[in-house]
Amino acid sequence: MQLVVMAAVLALAGAGQDCLDCHLTSYTIEVESCGTTEYVNTTVCVGHCYNEDPVYISHHEWPEQKICNGDWSEEVKFIEGCPEAVKYPVARNCNCIACNTEKMHCGRDPAHIPNCVAV
């Protein structure tokens, strides 16, 4: 019984930020203009999406992989004393979408083994 309770507590605690579903989170980025650097707060998409990993090699197509991404826009920041505006990305919402193989690597990263399994 204690093992079941501990597993439930670890699952609820998230066992680390990497185990959360795809969501928006605050992020601070560095922007530079006219030789001056400032920091701005923005939002980005983070988290994991459900993916199936076949247990065998087949000539059939593998299941479509999903990645955490969202709708993005740009906001503008003016640094004091600089007439040039700086544009930076802002995520408006996040969801799991199909991985675009033309723009990114969609295969498994053998060096990254997620630790989202509750023990």
PDB file of N, CA and C in Angstrom:
ATOM      1  N   MET A   1       0.820  -1.196   0.000  1.00  0.00           N
ATOM      2  CA  MET A   1       0.000   0.000   0.000  1.00  0.00           C
ATOM      3  C   MET A   1       0.867   1.264   0.000  1.00  0.00           C
ATOM      4  N   GLN A   2       1.944   1.266   0.788  1.00  0.00           N
ATOM      5  CA  GLN A   2       2.807   2.433   0.850  1.00  0.00           C
ATOM      6  C   GLN A   2       3.455   2.716  -0.498  1.00  0.00           C
ATOM      7  N   LEU A   3       3.798   1.662  -1.249  1.00  0.00           N
ATOM      8  CA  LEU A   3       4.402   1.841  -2.563  1.00  0.00           C
ATOM      9  C   LEU A   3       3.426   2.507  -3.527  1.00  0.00           C
ATOM     10  N   VAL A   4       2.167   2.118  -3.461  1.00  0.00           N
ATOM     11  CA  VAL A   4       1.144   2.715  -4.325  1.00  0.00           C
ATOM     12  C   VAL A   4       0.964   4.184  -3.983  1.00  0.00           C
ATOM     13  N   VAL A   5       0.921   4.514  -2.711  1.00  0.00           N
ATOM     14  CA  VAL A   5       0.773   5.904  -2.274  1.00  0.00           C
ATOM     15  C   VAL A   5       1.972   6.721  -2.722  1.00  0.00           C
ATOM     16  N   MET A   6       3.190   6.183  -2.574  1.00  0.00           N
ATOM     17  CA  MET A   6       4.396   6.899  -2.981  1.00  0.00           C
ATOM     18  C   MET A   6       4.399   7.131  -4.482  1.00  0.00           C
ATOM     19  N   ALA A   7       4.006   6.139  -5.264  1.00  0.00           N
ATOM     20  CA  ALA A   7       3.942   6.295  -6.720  1.00  0.00           C
ATOM     21  C   ALA A   7       2.939   7.369  -7.102  1.00  0.00           C
ATOM     22  N   ALA A   8       1.806   7.413  -6.417  1.00  0.00           N
ATOM     23  CA  ALA A   8       0.791   8.430  -6.699  1.00  0.00           C
ATOM     24  C   ALA A   8       1.304   9.816  -6.350  1.00  0.00           C
ATOM     25  N   VAL A   9       2.002   9.942  -5.234  1.00  0.00           N
ATOM     26  CA  VAL A   9       2.552  11.246  -4.827  1.00  0.00           C
ATOM     27  C   VAL A   9       3.589  11.717  -5.839  1.00  0.00           C
ATOM     28  N   LEU A  10       4.470  10.829  -6.287  1.00  0.00           N
ATOM     29  CA  LEU A  10       5.468  11.204  -7.283  1.00  0.00           C
ATOM     30  C   LEU A  10       4.817  11.599  -8.601  1.00  0.00           C
ATOM     31  N   ALA A  11       3.786  10.889  -8.994  1.00  0.00           N
ATOM     32  CA  ALA A  11       3.093  11.225 -10.243  1.00  0.00           C
ATOM     33  C   ALA A  11       2.428  12.588 -10.134  1.00  0.00           C
ATOM     34  N   LEU A  12       1.804  12.869  -9.009  1.00  0.00           N
ATOM     35  CA  LEU A  12       1.155  14.169  -8.816  1.00  0.00           C
ATOM     36  C   LEU A  12       2.174  15.291  -8.721  1.00  0.00           C
ATOM     37  N   ALA A  13       3.310  15.021  -8.128  1.00  0.00           N
ATOM     38  CA  ALA A  13       4.357  16.036  -7.999  1.00  0.00           C
ATOM     39  C   ALA A  13       5.017  16.320  -9.333  1.00  0.00           C
ATOM     40  N   GLY A  14       4.784  15.456 -10.304  1.00  0.00           N
ATOM     41  CA  GLY A  14       5.352  15.686 -11.626  1.00  0.00           C
ATOM     42  C   GLY A  14       6.709  15.048 -11.801  1.00  0.00           C
ATOM     43  N   ALA A  15       7.340  14.641 -10.728  1.00  0.00           N
ATOM     44  CA  ALA A  15       8.667  14.024 -10.776  1.00  0.00           C
ATOM     45  C   ALA A  15       9.627  14.834 -11.631  1.00  0.00           C
ATOM     46  N   GLY A  16       9.454  16.147 -11.697  1.00  0.00           N
ATOM     47  CA  GLY A  16      10.339  17.012 -12.463  1.00  0.00           C
ATOM     48  C   GLY A  16       9.571  17.775 -13.515  1.00  0.00           C
ATOM     49  N   GLN A  17      10.042  18.955 -13.876  1.00  0.00           N
ATOM     50  CA  GLN A  17       9.369  19.809 -14.837  1.00  0.00           C
ATOM     51  C   GLN A  17       9.275  19.190 -16.226  1.00  0.00           C
ATOM     52  N   ASP A  18      10.211  18.294 -16.592  1.00  0.00           N
ATOM     53  CA  ASP A  18      10.205  17.702 -17.924  1.00  0.00           C
ATOM     54  C   ASP A  18       8.990  16.823 -18.167  1.00  0.00           C
ATOM     55  N   CYS A  19       8.293  16.418 -17.138  1.00  0.00           N
ATOM     56  CA  CYS A  19       7.207  15.458 -17.291  1.00  0.00           C
ATOM     57  C   CYS A  19       5.853  16.116 -17.498  1.00  0.00           C
ATOM     58  N   LEU A  20       5.790  17.406 -17.545  1.00  0.00           N
ATOM     59  CA  LEU A  20       4.517  18.086 -17.708  1.00  0.00           C
ATOM     60  C   LEU A  20       4.064  18.061 -19.155  1.00  0.00           C
ATOM     61  N   ASP A  21       2.751  18.094 -19.350  1.00  0.00           N
ATOM     62  CA  ASP A  21       2.198  18.184 -20.690  1.00  0.00           C
ATOM     63  C   ASP A  21       2.549  19.526 -21.304  1.00  0.00           C
ATOM     64  N   CYS A  22       2.357  19.634 -22.589  1.00  0.00           N
ATOM     65  CA  CYS A  22       2.650  20.850 -23.351  1.00  0.00           C
ATOM     66  C   CYS A  22       1.866  22.037 -22.770  1.00  0.00           C
ATOM     67  N   HIS A  23       2.584  23.110 -22.421  1.00  0.00           N
ATOM     68  CA  HIS A  23       1.929  24.274 -21.813  1.00  0.00           C
ATOM     69  C   HIS A  23       2.787  25.533 -21.985  1.00  0.00           C
ATOM     70  N   LEU A  24       2.168  26.685 -21.734  1.00  0.00           N
ATOM     71  CA  LEU A  24       2.876  27.966 -21.735  1.00  0.00           C
ATOM     72  C   LEU A  24       3.640  28.131 -20.433  1.00  0.00           C
ATOM     73  N   THR A  25       4.789  28.770 -20.516  1.00  0.00           N
ATOM     74  CA  THR A  25       5.515  29.124 -19.305  1.00  0.00           C
ATOM     75  C   THR A  25       6.244  30.437 -19.540  1.00  0.00           C
ATOM     76  N   SER A  26       6.502  31.157 -18.476  1.00  0.00           N
ATOM     77  CA  SER A  26       7.233  32.427 -18.566  1.00  0.00           C
ATOM     78  C   SER A  26       8.711  32.148 -18.778  1.00  0.00           C
ATOM     79  N   TYR A  27       9.346  33.028 -19.540  1.00  0.00           N
ATOM     80  CA  TYR A  27      10.761  32.862 -19.847  1.00  0.00           C
ATOM     81  C   TYR A  27      11.365  34.242 -20.036  1.00  0.00           C
ATOM     82  N   THR A  28      12.571  34.443 -19.567  1.00  0.00           N
ATOM     83  CA  THR A  28      13.262  35.713 -19.716  1.00  0.00           C
ATOM     84  C   THR A  28      14.334  35.569 -20.789  1.00  0.00           C
ATOM     85  N   ILE A  29      14.317  36.492 -21.754  1.00  0.00           N
ATOM     86  CA  ILE A  29      15.319  36.456 -22.817  1.00  0.00           C
ATOM     87  C   ILE A  29      16.095  37.766 -22.846  1.00  0.00           C
ATOM     88  N   GLU A  30      17.268  37.692 -23.443  1.00  0.00           N
ATOM     89  CA  GLU A  30      18.149  38.853 -23.571  1.00  0.00           C
ATOM     90  C   GLU A  30      17.933  39.466 -24.950  1.00  0.00           C
ATOM     91  N   VAL A  31      17.723  40.793 -24.989  1.00  0.00           N
ATOM     92  CA  VAL A  31      17.618  41.506 -26.265  1.00  0.00           C
ATOM     93  C   VAL A  31      18.665  42.606 -26.288  1.00  0.00           C
ATOM     94  N   GLU A  32      19.135  42.931 -27.501  1.00  0.00           N
ATOM     95  CA  GLU A  32      20.183  43.936 -27.628  1.00  0.00           C
ATOM     96  C   GLU A  32      19.854  44.875 -28.776  1.00  0.00           C
ATOM     97  N   SER A  33      20.101  46.152 -28.547  1.00  0.00           N
ATOM     98  CA  SER A  33      19.949  47.164 -29.585  1.00  0.00           C
ATOM     99  C   SER A  33      20.830  48.344 -29.223  1.00  0.00           C
ATOM    100  N   CYS A  34      21.461  48.919 -30.220  1.00  0.00           N
ATOM    101  CA  CYS A  34      22.348  50.081 -30.029  1.00  0.00           C
ATOM    102  C   CYS A  34      23.434  49.812 -28.993  1.00  0.00           C
ATOM    103  N   GLY A  35      23.899  48.585 -28.916  1.00  0.00           N
ATOM    104  CA  GLY A  35      24.966  48.247 -27.984  1.00  0.00           C
ATOM    105  C   GLY A  35      24.519  48.086 -26.546  1.00  0.00           C
ATOM    106  N   THR A  36      23.221  48.174 -26.279  1.00  0.00           N
ATOM    107  CA  THR A  36      22.696  48.021 -24.924  1.00  0.00           C
ATOM    108  C   THR A  36      21.900  46.726 -24.829  1.00  0.00           C
ATOM    109  N   THR A  37      22.107  46.003 -23.744  1.00  0.00           N
ATOM    110  CA  THR A  37      21.411  44.737 -23.530  1.00  0.00           C
ATOM    111  C   THR A  37      20.403  44.896 -22.403  1.00  0.00           C
ATOM    112  N   GLU A  38      19.202  44.378 -22.618  1.00  0.00           N
ATOM    113  CA  GLU A  38      18.160  44.343 -21.583  1.00  0.00           C
ATOM    114  C   GLU A  38      17.522  42.967 -21.597  1.00  0.00           C
ATOM    115  N   TYR A  39      16.754  42.692 -20.564  1.00  0.00           N
ATOM    116  CA  TYR A  39      16.038  41.429 -20.462  1.00  0.00           C
ATOM    117  C   TYR A  39      14.549  41.705 -20.539  1.00  0.00           C
ATOM    118  N   VAL A  40      13.831  40.841 -21.276  1.00  0.00           N
ATOM    119  CA  VAL A  40      12.384  40.969 -21.363  1.00  0.00           C
ATOM    120  C   VAL A  40      11.744  39.636 -20.978  1.00  0.00           C
ATOM    121  N   ASN A  41      10.578  39.721 -20.387  1.00  0.00           N
ATOM    122  CA  ASN A  41       9.823  38.522 -20.042  1.00  0.00           C
ATOM    123  C   ASN A  41       8.893  38.191 -21.199  1.00  0.00           C
ATOM    124  N   THR A  42       8.870  36.920 -21.565  1.00  0.00           N
ATOM    125  CA  THR A  42       8.015  36.456 -22.646  1.00  0.00           C
ATOM    126  C   THR A  42       7.426  35.119 -22.233  1.00  0.00           C
ATOM    127  N   THR A  43       6.705  34.480 -23.129  1.00  0.00           N
ATOM    128  CA  THR A  43       6.175  33.147 -22.868  1.00  0.00           C
ATOM    129  C   THR A  43       6.646  32.212 -23.977  1.00  0.00           C
ATOM    130  N   VAL A  44       6.886  30.961 -23.616  1.00  0.00           N
ATOM    131  CA  VAL A  44       7.322  29.935 -24.558  1.00  0.00           C
ATOM    132  C   VAL A  44       6.534  28.653 -24.291  1.00  0.00           C
ATOM    133  N   CYS A  45       6.591  27.732 -25.225  1.00  0.00           N
ATOM    134  CA  CYS A  45       5.938  26.432 -25.074  1.00  0.00           C
ATOM    135  C   CYS A  45       6.955  25.412 -24.562  1.00  0.00           C
ATOM    136  N   VAL A  46       6.575  24.677 -23.533  1.00  0.00           N
ATOM    137  CA  VAL A  46       7.437  23.627 -22.982  1.00  0.00           C
ATOM    138  C   VAL A  46       6.580  22.418 -22.637  1.00  0.00           C
ATOM    139  N   GLY A  47       7.228  21.304 -22.459  1.00  0.00           N
ATOM    140  CA  GLY A  47       6.529  20.101 -22.030  1.00  0.00           C
ATOM    141  C   GLY A  47       6.590  19.007 -23.079  1.00  0.00           C
ATOM    142  N   HIS A  48       5.923  17.922 -22.789  1.00  0.00           N
ATOM    143  CA  HIS A  48       5.957  16.741 -23.644  1.00  0.00           C
ATOM    144  C   HIS A  48       4.602  16.454 -24.256  1.00  0.00           C
ATOM    145  N   CYS A  49       4.643  15.785 -25.392  1.00  0.00           N
ATOM    146  CA  CYS A  49       3.447  15.322 -26.077  1.00  0.00           C
ATOM    147  C   CYS A  49       3.517  13.804 -26.160  1.00  0.00           C
ATOM    148  N   TYR A  50       2.367  13.172 -26.179  1.00  0.00           N
ATOM    149  CA  TYR A  50       2.318  11.718 -26.264  1.00  0.00           C
ATOM    150  C   TYR A  50       2.847  11.268 -27.626  1.00  0.00           C
ATOM    151  N   ASN A  51       3.761  10.324 -27.616  1.00  0.00           N
ATOM    152  CA  ASN A  51       4.297   9.736 -28.839  1.00  0.00           C
ATOM    153  C   ASN A  51       4.399   8.239 -28.653  1.00  0.00           C
ATOM    154  N   GLU A  52       4.208   7.521 -29.742  1.00  0.00           N
ATOM    155  CA  GLU A  52       4.382   6.082 -29.705  1.00  0.00           C
ATOM    156  C   GLU A  52       5.742   5.754 -30.300  1.00  0.00           C
ATOM    157  N   ASP A  53       6.422   4.822 -29.681  1.00  0.00           N
ATOM    158  CA  ASP A  53       7.726   4.389 -30.151  1.00  0.00           C
ATOM    159  C   ASP A  53       7.616   2.909 -30.479  1.00  0.00           C
ATOM    160  N   PRO A  54       7.610   2.556 -31.777  1.00  0.00           N
ATOM    161  CA  PRO A  54       7.449   1.147 -32.141  1.00  0.00           C
ATOM    162  C   PRO A  54       8.528   0.284 -31.509  1.00  0.00           C
ATOM    163  N   VAL A  55       8.158  -0.933 -31.175  1.00  0.00           N
ATOM    164  CA  VAL A  55       9.101  -1.852 -30.546  1.00  0.00           C
ATOM    165  C   VAL A  55       9.804  -2.723 -31.580  1.00  0.00           C
ATOM    166  N   TYR A  56       9.492  -2.515 -32.852  1.00  0.00           N
ATOM    167  CA  TYR A  56      10.119  -3.296 -33.906  1.00  0.00           C
ATOM    168  C   TYR A  56      10.372  -2.409 -35.125  1.00  0.00           C
ATOM    169  N   ILE A  57      11.273  -2.841 -35.988  1.00  0.00           N
ATOM    170  CA  ILE A  57      11.564  -2.113 -37.215  1.00  0.00           C
ATOM    171  C   ILE A  57      10.650  -2.643 -38.306  1.00  0.00           C
ATOM    172  N   SER A  58      10.004  -1.742 -39.011  1.00  0.00           N
ATOM    173  CA  SER A  58       9.042  -2.134 -40.028  1.00  0.00           C
ATOM    174  C   SER A  58       9.198  -1.234 -41.244  1.00  0.00           C
ATOM    175  N   HIS A  59       8.725  -1.706 -42.376  1.00  0.00           N
ATOM    176  CA  HIS A  59       8.743  -0.895 -43.585  1.00  0.00           C
ATOM    177  C   HIS A  59       7.527   0.017 -43.653  1.00  0.00           C
ATOM    178  N   HIS A  60       6.581  -0.174 -42.750  1.00  0.00           N
ATOM    179  CA  HIS A  60       5.408   0.685 -42.692  1.00  0.00           C
ATOM    180  C   HIS A  60       5.791   2.021 -42.063  1.00  0.00           C
ATOM    181  N   GLU A  61       4.977   3.014 -42.313  1.00  0.00           N
ATOM    182  CA  GLU A  61       5.265   4.328 -41.718  1.00  0.00           C
ATOM    183  C   GLU A  61       5.144   4.270 -40.205  1.00  0.00           C
ATOM    184  N   TRP A  62       6.017   4.983 -39.549  1.00  0.00           N
ATOM    185  CA  TRP A  62       5.970   5.060 -38.096  1.00  0.00           C
ATOM    186  C   TRP A  62       4.855   6.006 -37.700  1.00  0.00           C
ATOM    187  N   PRO A  63       4.346   5.883 -36.484  1.00  0.00           N
ATOM    188  CA  PRO A  63       3.293   6.804 -36.047  1.00  0.00           C
ATOM    189  C   PRO A  63       3.800   8.248 -36.096  1.00  0.00           C
ATOM    190  N   GLU A  64       2.899   9.145 -36.435  1.00  0.00           N
ATOM    191  CA  GLU A  64       3.260  10.562 -36.517  1.00  0.00           C
ATOM    192  C   GLU A  64       3.698  11.072 -35.147  1.00  0.00           C
ATOM    193  N   GLN A  65       4.857  11.725 -35.109  1.00  0.00           N
ATOM    194  CA  GLN A  65       5.345  12.271 -33.845  1.00  0.00           C
ATOM    195  C   GLN A  65       4.754  13.652 -33.616  1.00  0.00           C
ATOM    196  N   LYS A  66       4.490  13.955 -32.370  1.00  0.00           N
ATOM    197  CA  LYS A  66       3.947  15.253 -31.988  1.00  0.00           C
ATOM    198  C   LYS A  66       4.994  16.018 -31.189  1.00  0.00           C
ATOM    199  N   ILE A  67       5.010  17.328 -31.373  1.00  0.00           N
ATOM    200  CA  ILE A  67       5.901  18.193 -30.618  1.00  0.00           C
ATOM    201  C   ILE A  67       5.086  19.298 -29.961  1.00  0.00           C
ATOM    202  N   CYS A  68       5.633  19.875 -28.931  1.00  0.00           N
ATOM    203  CA  CYS A  68       4.981  20.975 -28.228  1.00  0.00           C
ATOM    204  C   CYS A  68       5.324  22.284 -28.936  1.00  0.00           C
ATOM    205  N   ASN A  69       4.321  22.922 -29.513  1.00  0.00           N
ATOM    206  CA  ASN A  69       4.508  24.189 -30.198  1.00  0.00           C
ATOM    207  C   ASN A  69       3.217  24.970 -30.093  1.00  0.00           C
ATOM    208  N   GLY A  70       3.181  26.145 -30.653  1.00  0.00           N
ATOM    209  CA  GLY A  70       1.954  26.921 -30.535  1.00  0.00           C
ATOM    210  C   GLY A  70       1.875  28.063 -31.515  1.00  0.00           C
ATOM    211  N   ASP A  71       0.943  28.948 -31.244  1.00  0.00           N
ATOM    212  CA  ASP A  71       0.783  30.155 -32.049  1.00  0.00           C
ATOM    213  C   ASP A  71       1.720  31.217 -31.496  1.00  0.00           C
ATOM    214  N   TRP A  72       2.506  31.800 -32.387  1.00  0.00           N
ATOM    215  CA  TRP A  72       3.519  32.776 -31.980  1.00  0.00           C
ATOM    216  C   TRP A  72       3.218  34.127 -32.606  1.00  0.00           C
ATOM    217  N   SER A  73       3.620  35.160 -31.905  1.00  0.00           N
ATOM    218  CA  SER A  73       3.559  36.514 -32.456  1.00  0.00           C
ATOM    219  C   SER A  73       4.840  37.222 -32.026  1.00  0.00           C
ATOM    220  N   GLU A  74       4.983  38.443 -32.483  1.00  0.00           N
ATOM    221  CA  GLU A  74       6.150  39.239 -32.088  1.00  0.00           C
ATOM    222  C   GLU A  74       5.683  40.456 -31.321  1.00  0.00           C
ATOM    223  N   GLU A  75       6.440  40.809 -30.327  1.00  0.00           N
ATOM    224  CA  GLU A  75       6.212  42.058 -29.617  1.00  0.00           C
ATOM    225  C   GLU A  75       7.441  42.928 -29.807  1.00  0.00           C
ATOM    226  N   VAL A  76       7.270  44.209 -29.557  1.00  0.00           N
ATOM    227  CA  VAL A  76       8.337  45.177 -29.791  1.00  0.00           C
ATOM    228  C   VAL A  76       8.750  45.806 -28.464  1.00  0.00           C
ATOM    229  N   LYS A  77      10.048  45.973 -28.308  1.00  0.00           N
ATOM    230  CA  LYS A  77      10.596  46.626 -27.107  1.00  0.00           C
ATOM    231  C   LYS A  77      11.522  47.731 -27.563  1.00  0.00           C
ATOM    232  N   PHE A  78      11.382  48.898 -26.962  1.00  0.00           N
ATOM    233  CA  PHE A  78      12.310  50.001 -27.198  1.00  0.00           C
ATOM    234  C   PHE A  78      13.220  50.131 -25.993  1.00  0.00           C
ATOM    235  N   ILE A  79      14.510  50.109 -26.241  1.00  0.00           N
ATOM    236  CA  ILE A  79      15.494  50.287 -25.181  1.00  0.00           C
ATOM    237  C   ILE A  79      15.742  51.779 -25.050  1.00  0.00           C
ATOM    238  N   GLU A  80      15.736  52.244 -23.826  1.00  0.00           N
ATOM    239  CA  GLU A  80      15.889  53.678 -23.567  1.00  0.00           C
ATOM    240  C   GLU A  80      17.145  54.226 -24.237  1.00  0.00           C
ATOM    241  N   GLY A  81      16.970  55.327 -24.974  1.00  0.00           N
ATOM    242  CA  GLY A  81      18.080  55.984 -25.650  1.00  0.00           C
ATOM    243  C   GLY A  81      18.409  55.387 -27.011  1.00  0.00           C
ATOM    244  N   CYS A  82      17.607  54.460 -27.469  1.00  0.00           N
ATOM    245  CA  CYS A  82      17.871  53.812 -28.756  1.00  0.00           C
ATOM    246  C   CYS A  82      16.631  53.941 -29.635  1.00  0.00           C
ATOM    247  N   PRO A  83      16.774  54.479 -30.838  1.00  0.00           N
ATOM    248  CA  PRO A  83      15.614  54.651 -31.714  1.00  0.00           C
ATOM    249  C   PRO A  83      15.174  53.354 -32.412  1.00  0.00           C
ATOM    250  N   GLU A  84      16.016  52.333 -32.375  1.00  0.00           N
ATOM    251  CA  GLU A  84      15.691  51.073 -33.045  1.00  0.00           C
ATOM    252  C   GLU A  84      14.889  50.159 -32.120  1.00  0.00           C
ATOM    253  N   ALA A  85      13.810  49.615 -32.661  1.00  0.00           N
ATOM    254  CA  ALA A  85      12.992  48.676 -31.889  1.00  0.00           C
ATOM    255  C   ALA A  85      13.589  47.270 -31.959  1.00  0.00           C
ATOM    256  N   VAL A  86      13.354  46.504 -30.930  1.00  0.00           N
ATOM    257  CA  VAL A  86      13.773  45.109 -30.888  1.00  0.00           C
ATOM    258  C   VAL A  86      12.509  44.257 -30.900  1.00  0.00           C
ATOM    259  N   LYS A  87      12.451  43.285 -31.803  1.00  0.00           N
ATOM    260  CA  LYS A  87      11.322  42.368 -31.842  1.00  0.00           C
ATOM    261  C   LYS A  87      11.716  41.074 -31.148  1.00  0.00           C
ATOM    262  N   TYR A  88      10.766  40.490 -30.407  1.00  0.00           N
ATOM    263  CA  TYR A  88      11.023  39.219 -29.743  1.00  0.00           C
ATOM    264  C   TYR A  88       9.768  38.352 -29.807  1.00  0.00           C
ATOM    265  N   PRO A  89       9.939  37.023 -29.805  1.00  0.00           N
ATOM    266  CA  PRO A  89       8.800  36.108 -29.952  1.00  0.00           C
ATOM    267  C   PRO A  89       8.020  35.940 -28.649  1.00  0.00           C
ATOM    268  N   VAL A  90       6.709  35.738 -28.806  1.00  0.00           N
ATOM    269  CA  VAL A  90       5.819  35.484 -27.681  1.00  0.00           C
ATOM    270  C   VAL A  90       4.869  34.359 -28.080  1.00  0.00           C
ATOM    271  N   ALA A  91       4.832  33.304 -27.300  1.00  0.00           N
ATOM    272  CA  ALA A  91       3.886  32.218 -27.555  1.00  0.00           C
ATOM    273  C   ALA A  91       2.539  32.617 -26.965  1.00  0.00           C
ATOM    274  N   ARG A  92       1.471  32.483 -27.738  1.00  0.00           N
ATOM    275  CA  ARG A  92       0.114  32.845 -27.286  1.00  0.00           C
ATOM    276  C   ARG A  92      -0.621  31.654 -26.697  1.00  0.00           C
ATOM    277  N   ASN A  93      -0.418  30.482 -27.253  1.00  0.00           N
ATOM    278  CA  ASN A  93      -0.990  29.253 -26.708  1.00  0.00           C
ATOM    279  C   ASN A  93      -0.137  28.093 -27.193  1.00  0.00           C
ATOM    280  N   CYS A  94      -0.268  26.963 -26.553  1.00  0.00           N
ATOM    281  CA  CYS A  94       0.554  25.811 -26.884  1.00  0.00           C
ATOM    282  C   CYS A  94      -0.316  24.576 -27.059  1.00  0.00           C
ATOM    283  N   ASN A  95       0.110  23.723 -27.975  1.00  0.00           N
ATOM    284  CA  ASN A  95      -0.564  22.449 -28.145  1.00  0.00           C
ATOM    285  C   ASN A  95       0.395  21.481 -28.835  1.00  0.00           C
ATOM    286  N   CYS A  96       0.000  20.229 -28.871  1.00  0.00           N
ATOM    287  CA  CYS A  96       0.809  19.205 -29.509  1.00  0.00           C
ATOM    288  C   CYS A  96       0.446  19.158 -30.986  1.00  0.00           C
ATOM    289  N   ILE A  97       1.449  19.380 -31.848  1.00  0.00           N
ATOM    290  CA  ILE A  97       1.226  19.383 -33.292  1.00  0.00           C
ATOM    291  C   ILE A  97       2.185  18.392 -33.943  1.00  0.00           C
ATOM    292  N   ALA A  98       1.892  18.034 -35.186  1.00  0.00           N
ATOM    293  CA  ALA A  98       2.746  17.109 -35.918  1.00  0.00           C
ATOM    294  C   ALA A  98       4.118  17.726 -36.142  1.00  0.00           C
ATOM    295  N   CYS A  99       5.150  16.923 -35.984  1.00  0.00           N
ATOM    296  CA  CYS A  99       6.518  17.382 -36.203  1.00  0.00           C
ATOM    297  C   CYS A  99       6.745  17.603 -37.698  1.00  0.00           C
ATOM    298  N   ASN A 100       7.277  18.751 -38.071  1.00  0.00           N
ATOM    299  CA  ASN A 100       7.538  19.093 -39.461  1.00  0.00           C
ATOM    300  C   ASN A 100       8.949  18.634 -39.819  1.00  0.00           C
ATOM    301  N   THR A 101       9.045  17.524 -40.539  1.00  0.00           N
ATOM    302  CA  THR A 101      10.356  16.938 -40.855  1.00  0.00           C
ATOM    303  C   THR A 101      11.180  17.796 -41.797  1.00  0.00           C
ATOM    304  N   GLU A 102      10.557  18.761 -42.470  1.00  0.00           N
ATOM    305  CA  GLU A 102      11.314  19.634 -43.370  1.00  0.00           C
ATOM    306  C   GLU A 102      12.063  20.725 -42.608  1.00  0.00           C
ATOM    307  N   LYS A 103      11.631  21.017 -41.393  1.00  0.00           N
ATOM    308  CA  LYS A 103      12.244  22.106 -40.623  1.00  0.00           C
ATOM    309  C   LYS A 103      13.015  21.642 -39.398  1.00  0.00           C
ATOM    310  N   MET A 104      12.812  20.389 -38.970  1.00  0.00           N
ATOM    311  CA  MET A 104      13.475  19.943 -37.743  1.00  0.00           C
ATOM    312  C   MET A 104      13.678  18.442 -37.736  1.00  0.00           C
ATOM    313  N   HIS A 105      14.566  18.008 -36.854  1.00  0.00           N
ATOM    314  CA  HIS A 105      14.810  16.585 -36.666  1.00  0.00           C
ATOM    315  C   HIS A 105      13.671  16.031 -35.820  1.00  0.00           C
ATOM    316  N   CYS A 106      12.985  15.019 -36.332  1.00  0.00           N
ATOM    317  CA  CYS A 106      11.822  14.479 -35.625  1.00  0.00           C
ATOM    318  C   CYS A 106      12.075  13.088 -35.063  1.00  0.00           C
ATOM    319  N   GLY A 107      13.265  12.565 -35.223  1.00  0.00           N
ATOM    320  CA  GLY A 107      13.568  11.238 -34.695  1.00  0.00           C
ATOM    321  C   GLY A 107      13.934  11.310 -33.229  1.00  0.00           C
ATOM    322  N   ARG A 108      14.172  10.144 -32.662  1.00  0.00           N
ATOM    323  CA  ARG A 108      14.571  10.066 -31.259  1.00  0.00           C
ATOM    324  C   ARG A 108      15.986  10.585 -31.103  1.00  0.00           C
ATOM    325  N   ASP A 109      16.244  11.213 -29.993  1.00  0.00           N
ATOM    326  CA  ASP A 109      17.596  11.636 -29.634  1.00  0.00           C
ATOM    327  C   ASP A 109      18.147  10.575 -28.696  1.00  0.00           C
ATOM    328  N   PRO A 110      19.079   9.747 -29.170  1.00  0.00           N
ATOM    329  CA  PRO A 110      19.558   8.649 -28.318  1.00  0.00           C
ATOM    330  C   PRO A 110      20.245   9.121 -27.044  1.00  0.00           C
ATOM    331  N   ALA A 111      20.684  10.371 -27.023  1.00  0.00           N
ATOM    332  CA  ALA A 111      21.349  10.883 -25.818  1.00  0.00           C
ATOM    333  C   ALA A 111      20.341  11.336 -24.768  1.00  0.00           C
ATOM    334  N   HIS A 112      19.083  11.566 -25.174  1.00  0.00           N
ATOM    335  CA  HIS A 112      18.084  12.059 -24.240  1.00  0.00           C
ATOM    336  C   HIS A 112      17.112  10.946 -23.868  1.00  0.00           C
ATOM    337  N   ILE A 113      17.149  10.534 -22.630  1.00  0.00           N
ATOM    338  CA  ILE A 113      16.207   9.553 -22.145  1.00  0.00           C
ATOM    339  C   ILE A 113      15.368  10.248 -21.074  1.00  0.00           C
ATOM    340  N   PRO A 114      14.101  10.555 -21.366  1.00  0.00           N
ATOM    341  CA  PRO A 114      13.294  11.281 -20.392  1.00  0.00           C
ATOM    342  C   PRO A 114      13.114  10.471 -19.110  1.00  0.00           C
ATOM    343  N   ASN A 115      13.083  11.181 -18.009  1.00  0.00           N
ATOM    344  CA  ASN A 115      12.944  10.523 -16.720  1.00  0.00           C
ATOM    345  C   ASN A 115      11.564  10.781 -16.131  1.00  0.00           C
ATOM    346  N   CYS A 116      10.530  10.488 -16.915  1.00  0.00           N
ATOM    347  CA  CYS A 116       9.170  10.753 -16.481  1.00  0.00           C
ATOM    348  C   CYS A 116       8.494   9.519 -15.905  1.00  0.00           C
ATOM    349  N   VAL A 117       9.239   8.489 -15.665  1.00  0.00           N
ATOM    350  CA  VAL A 117       8.643   7.270 -15.132  1.00  0.00           C
ATOM    351  C   VAL A 117       8.689   7.337 -13.615  1.00  0.00           C
ATOM    352  N   ALA A 118       7.519   7.208 -13.005  1.00  0.00           N
ATOM    353  CA  ALA A 118       7.462   7.175 -11.538  1.00  0.00           C
ATOM    354  C   ALA A 118       7.895   5.802 -11.065  1.00  0.00           C
ATOM    355  N   VAL A 119       8.779   5.785 -10.112  1.00  0.00           N
ATOM    356  CA  VAL A 119       9.291   4.505  -9.596  1.00  0.00           C
ATOM    357  C   VAL A 119       8.494   4.086  -8.398  1.00  0.00           C
TER     358      VAL A 119
END
